[in-house]
Amino acid sequence: MTGFRSLSTGLRALQPAAFGADPSGERLARIRRSPHFKDGVFLNPGGEARTRPSGSSVELAKGFLDRDTRPRRAPQGTVPVHATTLADIARPPATGLRLTWMGHSSVLAEIDGHRVLFDPVWGERCSPFPFAGPKRLHPVPLPLAALGPVDVVVISHDHYDHLDMPSIKMLADTDTLFAVPLGVGAHLEHWGVSPDRLRELDWHEDTKVGGLTLTATPARHFCGRGLRNTQHTLWASWSVAGEEHRIYHSGDTGYFEGFKDIGADYGPFDATMIQIGAYSEFWPDIHMTPEEGMRAHLDLQGGTPQGVMLPIHWATFNLAMHPWADPGEGTVAAARAEGARVALPRPGEPFEPTSETVPAEPWWRAVAAAPADGWPDADLRTGTSTKAAAEGPTDTARDAPGGAAEGTGDPETVPTG
């Protein structure tokens, strides 16, 4: 038995540091006491969710190998990144609330005098390896160190495209606090974050950071970074309430009726940051389509199109088989159909959700492959519903990921969620 233990210890030593660490001790005991943990795993709201691709392997292969749709899965030109400067984010927002989408699900929120950084991913790849895995389709708008002081970093779950070890290690040398779902603190401690800077929450638990109240709210997803998926770390969406403003970050989630309860308990919100990319008919329970994302936004707002929706989890990494521009186009169509207000900033472009205007130009069209019948009208500046735009993009291919050659922009088989 000693030999087997030595072998096991040796294999663990060879694992990449990015795999993180499994919860243990009191952290694991607290996980086991959670009302959302049963039979050794965390449970999703709304019943069991499929966390692996469904359908036949033949259909998956057909979708991945299709030569006609493959070129549309990446931008055709250089993504227009806003040249964010410290001056952009150094002056206080006039309205008290400003959001800067840094790409994918990373957002800097300046709310009522505090600075909150959601899911910071500054790495070149969302992967445990520097030489493989989904690679950035655009550069970061500015270096992480140039953001200036951050009061709290909020993590939604432990997948590589939301919890990035290089970014956490850089932030570990600052004074920032970290708000994370149950179990995720084990990864951060493994990477050098002091336990006294961790605020580890179960769903519906909250913590105070200055004048902010941060609440971990339910999401419909899954977890896992290593070779085994133990379901021992929780995933969450987040409500952040200040003295004057409220915002919501969805993390990764499938649509579920619980958005209505979150809105009733913690909303309505001045802005919601909603996942609308990397969806597929092969994993419909754990990621939302743009139409579902808009439904979630409305649920969170009590059923009425108030506040501003910021679409996230798209444009930066290729994690699914739909065309690169489809999440943006689908969001535009859904917003027009519902008369909802959406913000469409370029990566790195700051905006104030409660101001009179927000970015509304479909910027991706300049670098995306256009549909055969051209782009539909997409003027969202009025924020009112119009008729013809209820139709979405003509090509909404939804297939499953597979391997890809370097530099193609195609998805690769690395567990990111």
Foldseek 3Di string as FASTA:
>chain_A
DVVVVVVVVVVVVPDQLLQFDFDDDVLLVVLVVDPQADPQAGAAPPGHFDAFFDDDPVQQVCLAPPPVQLLLLAWQDAFDADLFALVQVVDQDPVQWKWFFQAFQWIWIRHNNATETFQDDQDQALFSDNPDFWGWRHHGNDDPVRNPDHAEYEFQASFSSRDPLVSLLVCQPDPHAYEYERGPVSRSVSSRRDPVRYHYDHAQDWDDGPQKIKGWHGAFAAHGADPDRSNSTHGTKMWIDGPPFIETERRWHAADLCLLVQLVVRDDGLEYEFEADLDFPRRRGTHYHLLSRVVSNCSSNVNAQHHEYEYHRANTTRAWSWRRLQSVQSNLLNQQQRLHHYADDRRRDMDGRPDLFHHQDSSSVVGGDAPPVGRDDRDCGVSGHDDPSNDGGPGGDTHGADDDDPPSRGGYPHGRD
